[in-house]
Amino acid sequence: MSKIFLETKVPGIAKTYEFSVDSVMTVGTVKKEMIDQISAVENRTVFPDPGKVLVCSIDMGGLLQDSETLGSIGIKSGGQIMLI
């Protein structure tokens, strides 16, 4: 297990956040944690329906599936993702 540092863009509110996650985490778990933490920081509900939020890798140019682990799909430290 290794730490991955990600830059996460949220175009819906025009903000960028930085997160530290483990390479063995699934995209779905990371997405849920990011949504919870962003909502806490912003002190409001940023994503009204978290089940419909998509995770896109800016570096890889595509959508990530919730069941995939970050390390297995090649997400590396310094990577950029987007929550849409």
PDB file of N, CA and C in Angstrom:
ATOM      1  N   MET A   1       0.851  -1.169   0.000  1.00  0.00           N
ATOM      2  CA  MET A   1       0.000   0.000   0.000  1.00  0.00           C
ATOM      3  C   MET A   1       0.897   1.232   0.000  1.00  0.00           C
ATOM      4  N   SER A   2       0.620   2.145  -0.901  1.00  0.00           N
ATOM      5  CA  SER A   2       1.381   3.386  -0.941  1.00  0.00           C
ATOM      6  C   SER A   2       0.429   4.563  -1.082  1.00  0.00           C
ATOM      7  N   LYS A   3       0.868   5.694  -0.602  1.00  0.00           N
ATOM      8  CA  LYS A   3       0.060   6.912  -0.672  1.00  0.00           C
ATOM      9  C   LYS A   3       0.134   7.515  -2.072  1.00  0.00           C
ATOM     10  N   ILE A   4      -1.004   8.024  -2.503  1.00  0.00           N
ATOM     11  CA  ILE A   4      -1.111   8.731  -3.775  1.00  0.00           C
ATOM     12  C   ILE A   4      -1.675  10.108  -3.457  1.00  0.00           C
ATOM     13  N   PHE A   5      -1.028  11.134  -3.971  1.00  0.00           N
ATOM     14  CA  PHE A   5      -1.504  12.498  -3.786  1.00  0.00           C
ATOM     15  C   PHE A   5      -2.177  12.948  -5.077  1.00  0.00           C
ATOM     16  N   LEU A   6      -3.443  13.356  -4.964  1.00  0.00           N
ATOM     17  CA  LEU A   6      -4.239  13.709  -6.139  1.00  0.00           C
ATOM     18  C   LEU A   6      -4.721  15.147  -6.070  1.00  0.00           C
ATOM     19  N   GLU A   7      -4.762  15.778  -7.220  1.00  0.00           N
ATOM     20  CA  GLU A   7      -5.398  17.083  -7.370  1.00  0.00           C
ATOM     21  C   GLU A   7      -6.782  16.800  -7.930  1.00  0.00           C
ATOM     22  N   THR A   8      -7.799  17.244  -7.213  1.00  0.00           N
ATOM     23  CA  THR A   8      -9.170  16.946  -7.594  1.00  0.00           C
ATOM     24  C   THR A   8      -9.908  18.225  -7.961  1.00  0.00           C
ATOM     25  N   LYS A   9     -10.362  18.285  -9.197  1.00  0.00           N
ATOM     26  CA  LYS A   9     -11.091  19.456  -9.688  1.00  0.00           C
ATOM     27  C   LYS A   9     -12.594  19.190  -9.597  1.00  0.00           C
ATOM     28  N   VAL A  10     -13.322  20.218  -9.170  1.00  0.00           N
ATOM     29  CA  VAL A  10     -14.784  20.138  -9.097  1.00  0.00           C
ATOM     30  C   VAL A  10     -15.331  21.316  -9.897  1.00  0.00           C
ATOM     31  N   PRO A  11     -15.571  21.105 -11.189  1.00  0.00           N
ATOM     32  CA  PRO A  11     -15.995  22.222 -12.043  1.00  0.00           C
ATOM     33  C   PRO A  11     -17.346  22.813 -11.647  1.00  0.00           C
ATOM     34  N   GLY A  12     -18.193  22.036 -10.979  1.00  0.00           N
ATOM     35  CA  GLY A  12     -19.508  22.538 -10.573  1.00  0.00           C
ATOM     36  C   GLY A  12     -19.436  23.721  -9.623  1.00  0.00           C
ATOM     37  N   ILE A  13     -18.336  23.814  -8.867  1.00  0.00           N
ATOM     38  CA  ILE A  13     -18.161  24.946  -7.963  1.00  0.00           C
ATOM     39  C   ILE A  13     -16.850  25.686  -8.251  1.00  0.00           C
ATOM     40  N   ALA A  14     -16.207  25.327  -9.350  1.00  0.00           N
ATOM     41  CA  ALA A  14     -14.971  25.977  -9.814  1.00  0.00           C
ATOM     42  C   ALA A  14     -13.882  25.992  -8.742  1.00  0.00           C
ATOM     43  N   LYS A  15     -13.659  24.814  -8.107  1.00  0.00           N
ATOM     44  CA  LYS A  15     -12.623  24.717  -7.079  1.00  0.00           C
ATOM     45  C   LYS A  15     -11.780  23.468  -7.300  1.00  0.00           C
ATOM     46  N   THR A  16     -10.583  23.498  -6.720  1.00  0.00           N
ATOM     47  CA  THR A  16      -9.647  22.381  -6.786  1.00  0.00           C
ATOM     48  C   THR A  16      -9.216  22.037  -5.367  1.00  0.00           C
ATOM     49  N   TYR A  17      -9.102  20.743  -5.086  1.00  0.00           N
ATOM     50  CA  TYR A  17      -8.712  20.258  -3.760  1.00  0.00           C
ATOM     51  C   TYR A  17      -7.563  19.267  -3.924  1.00  0.00           C
ATOM     52  N   GLU A  18      -6.825  19.067  -2.840  1.00  0.00           N
ATOM     53  CA  GLU A  18      -5.759  18.065  -2.830  1.00  0.00           C
ATOM     54  C   GLU A  18      -6.110  16.989  -1.816  1.00  0.00           C
ATOM     55  N   PHE A  19      -5.912  15.742  -2.210  1.00  0.00           N
ATOM     56  CA  PHE A  19      -6.223  14.596  -1.358  1.00  0.00           C
ATOM     57  C   PHE A  19      -5.059  13.625  -1.337  1.00  0.00           C
ATOM     58  N   SER A  20      -4.938  12.929  -0.230  1.00  0.00           N
ATOM     59  CA  SER A  20      -3.984  11.833  -0.084  1.00  0.00           C
ATOM     60  C   SER A  20      -4.805  10.562   0.109  1.00  0.00           C
ATOM     61  N   VAL A  21      -4.582   9.566  -0.747  1.00  0.00           N
ATOM     62  CA  VAL A  21      -5.336   8.307  -0.690  1.00  0.00           C
ATOM     63  C   VAL A  21      -4.363   7.138  -0.807  1.00  0.00           C
ATOM     64  N   ASP A  22      -4.849   5.940  -0.517  1.00  0.00           N
ATOM     65  CA  ASP A  22      -4.024   4.740  -0.650  1.00  0.00           C
ATOM     66  C   ASP A  22      -4.237   4.099  -2.011  1.00  0.00           C
ATOM     67  N   SER A  23      -3.195   3.537  -2.570  1.00  0.00           N
ATOM     68  CA  SER A  23      -3.251   2.939  -3.909  1.00  0.00           C
ATOM     69  C   SER A  23      -4.177   1.724  -3.973  1.00  0.00           C
ATOM     70  N   VAL A  24      -4.477   1.106  -2.832  1.00  0.00           N
ATOM     71  CA  VAL A  24      -5.337  -0.085  -2.825  1.00  0.00           C
ATOM     72  C   VAL A  24      -6.820   0.267  -2.678  1.00  0.00           C
ATOM     73  N   MET A  25      -7.136   1.538  -2.547  1.00  0.00           N
ATOM     74  CA  MET A  25      -8.537   1.953  -2.412  1.00  0.00           C
ATOM     75  C   MET A  25      -9.243   1.884  -3.763  1.00  0.00           C
ATOM     76  N   THR A  26     -10.538   1.591  -3.714  1.00  0.00           N
ATOM     77  CA  THR A  26     -11.316   1.595  -4.945  1.00  0.00           C
ATOM     78  C   THR A  26     -11.719   3.022  -5.284  1.00  0.00           C
ATOM     79  N   VAL A  27     -12.002   3.234  -6.543  1.00  0.00           N
ATOM     80  CA  VAL A  27     -12.448   4.540  -7.010  1.00  0.00           C
ATOM     81  C   VAL A  27     -13.725   4.946  -6.268  1.00  0.00           C
ATOM     82  N   GLY A  28     -14.635   3.999  -6.054  1.00  0.00           N
ATOM     83  CA  GLY A  28     -15.890   4.282  -5.355  1.00  0.00           C
ATOM     84  C   GLY A  28     -15.664   4.758  -3.928  1.00  0.00           C
ATOM     85  N   THR A  29     -14.737   4.122  -3.217  1.00  0.00           N
ATOM     86  CA  THR A  29     -14.426   4.516  -1.841  1.00  0.00           C
ATOM     87  C   THR A  29     -13.807   5.899  -1.818  1.00  0.00           C
ATOM     88  N   VAL A  30     -12.868   6.141  -2.718  1.00  0.00           N
ATOM     89  CA  VAL A  30     -12.213   7.451  -2.800  1.00  0.00           C
ATOM     90  C   VAL A  30     -13.246   8.528  -3.122  1.00  0.00           C
ATOM     91  N   LYS A  31     -14.118   8.240  -4.064  1.00  0.00           N
ATOM     92  CA  LYS A  31     -15.147   9.201  -4.459  1.00  0.00           C
ATOM     93  C   LYS A  31     -16.028   9.571  -3.267  1.00  0.00           C
ATOM     94  N   LYS A  32     -16.469   8.573  -2.508  1.00  0.00           N
ATOM     95  CA  LYS A  32     -17.323   8.832  -1.345  1.00  0.00           C
ATOM     96  C   LYS A  32     -16.597   9.688  -0.320  1.00  0.00           C
ATOM     97  N   GLU A  33     -15.347   9.359  -0.029  1.00  0.00           N
ATOM     98  CA  GLU A  33     -14.578  10.130   0.941  1.00  0.00           C
ATOM     99  C   GLU A  33     -14.352  11.563   0.468  1.00  0.00           C
ATOM    100  N   MET A  34     -14.074  11.736  -0.822  1.00  0.00           N
ATOM    101  CA  MET A  34     -13.863  13.079  -1.357  1.00  0.00           C
ATOM    102  C   MET A  34     -15.140  13.902  -1.262  1.00  0.00           C
ATOM    103  N   ILE A  35     -16.261  13.300  -1.630  1.00  0.00           N
ATOM    104  CA  ILE A  35     -17.545  14.005  -1.566  1.00  0.00           C
ATOM    105  C   ILE A  35     -17.833  14.434  -0.136  1.00  0.00           C
ATOM    106  N   ASP A  36     -17.627  13.535   0.822  1.00  0.00           N
ATOM    107  CA  ASP A  36     -17.877  13.856   2.231  1.00  0.00           C
ATOM    108  C   ASP A  36     -16.977  14.989   2.710  1.00  0.00           C
ATOM    109  N   GLN A  37     -15.692  14.908   2.362  1.00  0.00           N
ATOM    110  CA  GLN A  37     -14.742  15.918   2.831  1.00  0.00           C
ATOM    111  C   GLN A  37     -14.971  17.274   2.159  1.00  0.00           C
ATOM    112  N   ILE A  38     -15.284  17.273   0.877  1.00  0.00           N
ATOM    113  CA  ILE A  38     -15.558  18.534   0.175  1.00  0.00           C
ATOM    114  C   ILE A  38     -16.807  19.190   0.754  1.00  0.00           C
ATOM    115  N   SER A  39     -17.845  18.407   1.000  1.00  0.00           N
ATOM    116  CA  SER A  39     -19.075  18.952   1.583  1.00  0.00           C
ATOM    117  C   SER A  39     -18.805  19.534   2.972  1.00  0.00           C
ATOM    118  N   ALA A  40     -17.942  18.871   3.757  1.00  0.00           N
ATOM    119  CA  ALA A  40     -17.601  19.369   5.095  1.00  0.00           C
ATOM    120  C   ALA A  40     -16.826  20.683   5.006  1.00  0.00           C
ATOM    121  N   VAL A  41     -15.860  20.754   4.103  1.00  0.00           N
ATOM    122  CA  VAL A  41     -15.059  21.976   3.945  1.00  0.00           C
ATOM    123  C   VAL A  41     -15.928  23.138   3.468  1.00  0.00           C
ATOM    124  N   GLU A  42     -16.813  22.855   2.530  1.00  0.00           N
ATOM    125  CA  GLU A  42     -17.663  23.907   1.962  1.00  0.00           C
ATOM    126  C   GLU A  42     -18.870  24.209   2.856  1.00  0.00           C
ATOM    127  N   ASN A  43     -19.105  23.363   3.855  1.00  0.00           N
ATOM    128  CA  ASN A  43     -20.212  23.520   4.799  1.00  0.00           C
ATOM    129  C   ASN A  43     -21.574  23.558   4.092  1.00  0.00           C
ATOM    130  N   ARG A  44     -21.674  22.726   3.057  1.00  0.00           N
ATOM    131  CA  ARG A  44     -22.936  22.605   2.311  1.00  0.00           C
ATOM    132  C   ARG A  44     -22.884  21.346   1.458  1.00  0.00           C
ATOM    133  N   THR A  45     -24.021  20.963   0.928  1.00  0.00           N
ATOM    134  CA  THR A  45     -24.081  19.816   0.041  1.00  0.00           C
ATOM    135  C   THR A  45     -23.647  20.267  -1.354  1.00  0.00           C
ATOM    136  N   VAL A  46     -22.503  19.756  -1.795  1.00  0.00           N
ATOM    137  CA  VAL A  46     -21.973  20.141  -3.100  1.00  0.00           C
ATOM    138  C   VAL A  46     -22.541  19.241  -4.192  1.00  0.00           C
ATOM    139  N   PHE A  47     -22.756  17.970  -3.840  1.00  0.00           N
ATOM    140  CA  PHE A  47     -23.272  16.987  -4.791  1.00  0.00           C
ATOM    141  C   PHE A  47     -24.616  16.481  -4.275  1.00  0.00           C
ATOM    142  N   PRO A  48     -25.737  16.977  -4.822  1.00  0.00           N
ATOM    143  CA  PRO A  48     -27.060  16.594  -4.323  1.00  0.00           C
ATOM    144  C   PRO A  48     -27.332  15.089  -4.417  1.00  0.00           C
ATOM    145  N   ASP A  49     -26.800  14.420  -5.434  1.00  0.00           N
ATOM    146  CA  ASP A  49     -26.993  12.976  -5.598  1.00  0.00           C
ATOM    147  C   ASP A  49     -25.625  12.323  -5.797  1.00  0.00           C
ATOM    148  N   PRO A  50     -24.933  11.968  -4.687  1.00  0.00           N
ATOM    149  CA  PRO A  50     -23.587  11.397  -4.791  1.00  0.00           C
ATOM    150  C   PRO A  50     -23.507  10.138  -5.661  1.00  0.00           C
ATOM    151  N   GLY A  51     -24.602   9.415  -5.781  1.00  0.00           N
ATOM    152  CA  GLY A  51     -24.615   8.212  -6.607  1.00  0.00           C
ATOM    153  C   GLY A  51     -24.441   8.487  -8.092  1.00  0.00           C
ATOM    154  N   LYS A  52     -24.699   9.713  -8.505  1.00  0.00           N
ATOM    155  CA  LYS A  52     -24.577  10.078  -9.921  1.00  0.00           C
ATOM    156  C   LYS A  52     -23.259  10.776 -10.253  1.00  0.00           C
ATOM    157  N   VAL A  53     -22.397  10.963  -9.254  1.00  0.00           N
ATOM    158  CA  VAL A  53     -21.116  11.626  -9.477  1.00  0.00           C
ATOM    159  C   VAL A  53     -20.183  10.691 -10.233  1.00  0.00           C
ATOM    160  N   LEU A  54     -19.534  11.226 -11.248  1.00  0.00           N
ATOM    161  CA  LEU A  54     -18.572  10.464 -12.043  1.00  0.00           C
ATOM    162  C   LEU A  54     -17.162  10.937 -11.725  1.00  0.00           C
ATOM    163  N   VAL A  55     -16.215  10.001 -11.780  1.00  0.00           N
ATOM    164  CA  VAL A  55     -14.808  10.325 -11.565  1.00  0.00           C
ATOM    165  C   VAL A  55     -14.094  10.175 -12.898  1.00  0.00           C
ATOM    166  N   CYS A  56     -13.433  11.242 -13.304  1.00  0.00           N
ATOM    167  CA  CYS A  56     -12.730  11.256 -14.579  1.00  0.00           C
ATOM    168  C   CYS A  56     -11.251  11.513 -14.328  1.00  0.00           C
ATOM    169  N   SER A  57     -10.395  10.742 -14.972  1.00  0.00           N
ATOM    170  CA  SER A  57      -8.959  10.985 -14.896  1.00  0.00           C
ATOM    171  C   SER A  57      -8.588  11.961 -16.002  1.00  0.00           C
ATOM    172  N   ILE A  58      -8.099  13.115 -15.620  1.00  0.00           N
ATOM    173  CA  ILE A  58      -7.673  14.108 -16.606  1.00  0.00           C
ATOM    174  C   ILE A  58      -6.430  13.602 -17.327  1.00  0.00           C
ATOM    175  N   ASP A  59      -5.527  12.962 -16.572  1.00  0.00           N
ATOM    176  CA  ASP A  59      -4.283  12.452 -17.150  1.00  0.00           C
ATOM    177  C   ASP A  59      -4.534  11.329 -18.158  1.00  0.00           C
ATOM    178  N   MET A  60      -5.467  10.442 -17.830  1.00  0.00           N
ATOM    179  CA  MET A  60      -5.732   9.287 -18.693  1.00  0.00           C
ATOM    180  C   MET A  60      -6.833   9.572 -19.709  1.00  0.00           C
ATOM    181  N   GLY A  61      -7.549  10.669 -19.521  1.00  0.00           N
ATOM    182  CA  GLY A  61      -8.577  11.067 -20.474  1.00  0.00           C
ATOM    183  C   GLY A  61      -9.792  10.166 -20.507  1.00  0.00           C
ATOM    184  N   GLY A  62     -10.267   9.724 -19.343  1.00  0.00           N
ATOM    185  CA  GLY A  62     -11.458   8.880 -19.351  1.00  0.00           C
ATOM    186  C   GLY A  62     -12.078   8.718 -17.981  1.00  0.00           C
ATOM    187  N   LEU A  63     -13.264   8.089 -17.986  1.00  0.00           N
ATOM    188  CA  LEU A  63     -13.988   7.830 -16.754  1.00  0.00           C
ATOM    189  C   LEU A  63     -13.388   6.634 -16.026  1.00  0.00           C
ATOM    190  N   LEU A  64     -13.427   6.681 -14.707  1.00  0.00           N
ATOM    191  CA  LEU A  64     -12.943   5.581 -13.874  1.00  0.00           C
ATOM    192  C   LEU A  64     -14.138   4.850 -13.283  1.00  0.00           C
ATOM    193  N   GLN A  65     -14.065   3.542 -13.244  1.00  0.00           N
ATOM    194  CA  GLN A  65     -15.147   2.718 -12.709  1.00  0.00           C
ATOM    195  C   GLN A  65     -15.002   2.589 -11.201  1.00  0.00           C
ATOM    196  N   ASP A  66     -16.122   2.636 -10.477  1.00  0.00           N
ATOM    197  CA  ASP A  66     -16.114   2.589  -9.011  1.00  0.00           C
ATOM    198  C   ASP A  66     -15.419   1.354  -8.444  1.00  0.00           C
ATOM    199  N   SER A  67     -15.448   0.243  -9.152  1.00  0.00           N
ATOM    200  CA  SER A  67     -14.898  -1.008  -8.620  1.00  0.00           C
ATOM    201  C   SER A  67     -13.393  -1.155  -8.817  1.00  0.00           C
ATOM    202  N   GLU A  68     -12.786  -0.294  -9.608  1.00  0.00           N
ATOM    203  CA  GLU A  68     -11.351  -0.384  -9.894  1.00  0.00           C
ATOM    204  C   GLU A  68     -10.533   0.169  -8.729  1.00  0.00           C
ATOM    205  N   THR A  69      -9.372  -0.450  -8.464  1.00  0.00           N
ATOM    206  CA  THR A  69      -8.474   0.123  -7.459  1.00  0.00           C
ATOM    207  C   THR A  69      -7.534   1.093  -8.155  1.00  0.00           C
ATOM    208  N   LEU A  70      -7.170   2.141  -7.433  1.00  0.00           N
ATOM    209  CA  LEU A  70      -6.344   3.198  -8.031  1.00  0.00           C
ATOM    210  C   LEU A  70      -5.029   2.669  -8.582  1.00  0.00           C
ATOM    211  N   GLY A  71      -4.343   1.830  -7.799  1.00  0.00           N
ATOM    212  CA  GLY A  71      -3.050   1.299  -8.230  1.00  0.00           C
ATOM    213  C   GLY A  71      -3.146   0.420  -9.460  1.00  0.00           C
ATOM    214  N   SER A  72      -4.232  -0.365  -9.558  1.00  0.00           N
ATOM    215  CA  SER A  72      -4.355  -1.298 -10.678  1.00  0.00           C
ATOM    216  C   SER A  72      -4.627  -0.604 -12.008  1.00  0.00           C
ATOM    217  N   ILE A  73      -5.152   0.615 -11.968  1.00  0.00           N
ATOM    218  CA  ILE A  73      -5.439   1.318 -13.226  1.00  0.00           C
ATOM    219  C   ILE A  73      -4.391   2.369 -13.557  1.00  0.00           C
ATOM    220  N   GLY A  74      -3.365   2.453 -12.720  1.00  0.00           N
ATOM    221  CA  GLY A  74      -2.244   3.325 -13.042  1.00  0.00           C
ATOM    222  C   GLY A  74      -2.346   4.756 -12.554  1.00  0.00           C
ATOM    223  N   ILE A  75      -3.226   5.006 -11.583  1.00  0.00           N
ATOM    224  CA  ILE A  75      -3.294   6.348 -11.008  1.00  0.00           C
ATOM    225  C   ILE A  75      -2.061   6.543 -10.131  1.00  0.00           C
ATOM    226  N   LYS A  76      -1.343   7.632 -10.361  1.00  0.00           N
ATOM    227  CA  LYS A  76      -0.091   7.884  -9.646  1.00  0.00           C
ATOM    228  C   LYS A  76      -0.150   9.225  -8.916  1.00  0.00           C
ATOM    229  N   SER A  77       0.759   9.385  -7.978  1.00  0.00           N
ATOM    230  CA  SER A  77       0.871  10.645  -7.244  1.00  0.00           C
ATOM    231  C   SER A  77       1.059  11.802  -8.213  1.00  0.00           C
ATOM    232  N   GLY A  78       0.381  12.897  -7.925  1.00  0.00           N
ATOM    233  CA  GLY A  78       0.454  14.061  -8.792  1.00  0.00           C
ATOM    234  C   GLY A  78      -0.601  14.044  -9.870  1.00  0.00           C
ATOM    235  N   GLY A  79      -1.377  12.962  -9.934  1.00  0.00           N
ATOM    236  CA  GLY A  79      -2.423  12.846 -10.949  1.00  0.00           C
ATOM    237  C   GLY A  79      -3.557  13.823 -10.712  1.00  0.00           C
ATOM    238  N   GLN A  80      -4.280  14.107 -11.772  1.00  0.00           N
ATOM    239  CA  GLN A  80      -5.421  15.014 -11.695  1.00  0.00           C
ATOM    240  C   GLN A  80      -6.679  14.241 -12.026  1.00  0.00           C
ATOM    241  N   ILE A  81      -7.667  14.396 -11.157  1.00  0.00           N
ATOM    242  CA  ILE A  81      -8.973  13.811 -11.447  1.00  0.00           C
ATOM    243  C   ILE A  81     -10.038  14.888 -11.318  1.00  0.00           C
ATOM    244  N   MET A  82     -11.204  14.551 -11.832  1.00  0.00           N
ATOM    245  CA  MET A  82     -12.310  15.511 -11.818  1.00  0.00           C
ATOM    246  C   MET A  82     -13.553  14.789 -11.326  1.00  0.00           C
ATOM    247  N   LEU A  83     -14.309  15.451 -10.463  1.00  0.00           N
ATOM    248  CA  LEU A  83     -15.599  14.925 -10.015  1.00  0.00           C
ATOM    249  C   LEU A  83     -16.682  15.705 -10.755  1.00  0.00           C
ATOM    250  N   ILE A  84     -17.470  14.984 -11.552  1.00  0.00           N
ATOM    251  CA  ILE A  84     -18.530  15.649 -12.333  1.00  0.00           C
ATOM    252  C   ILE A  84     -19.856  14.966 -12.082  1.00  0.00           C
TER     253      ILE A  84
END
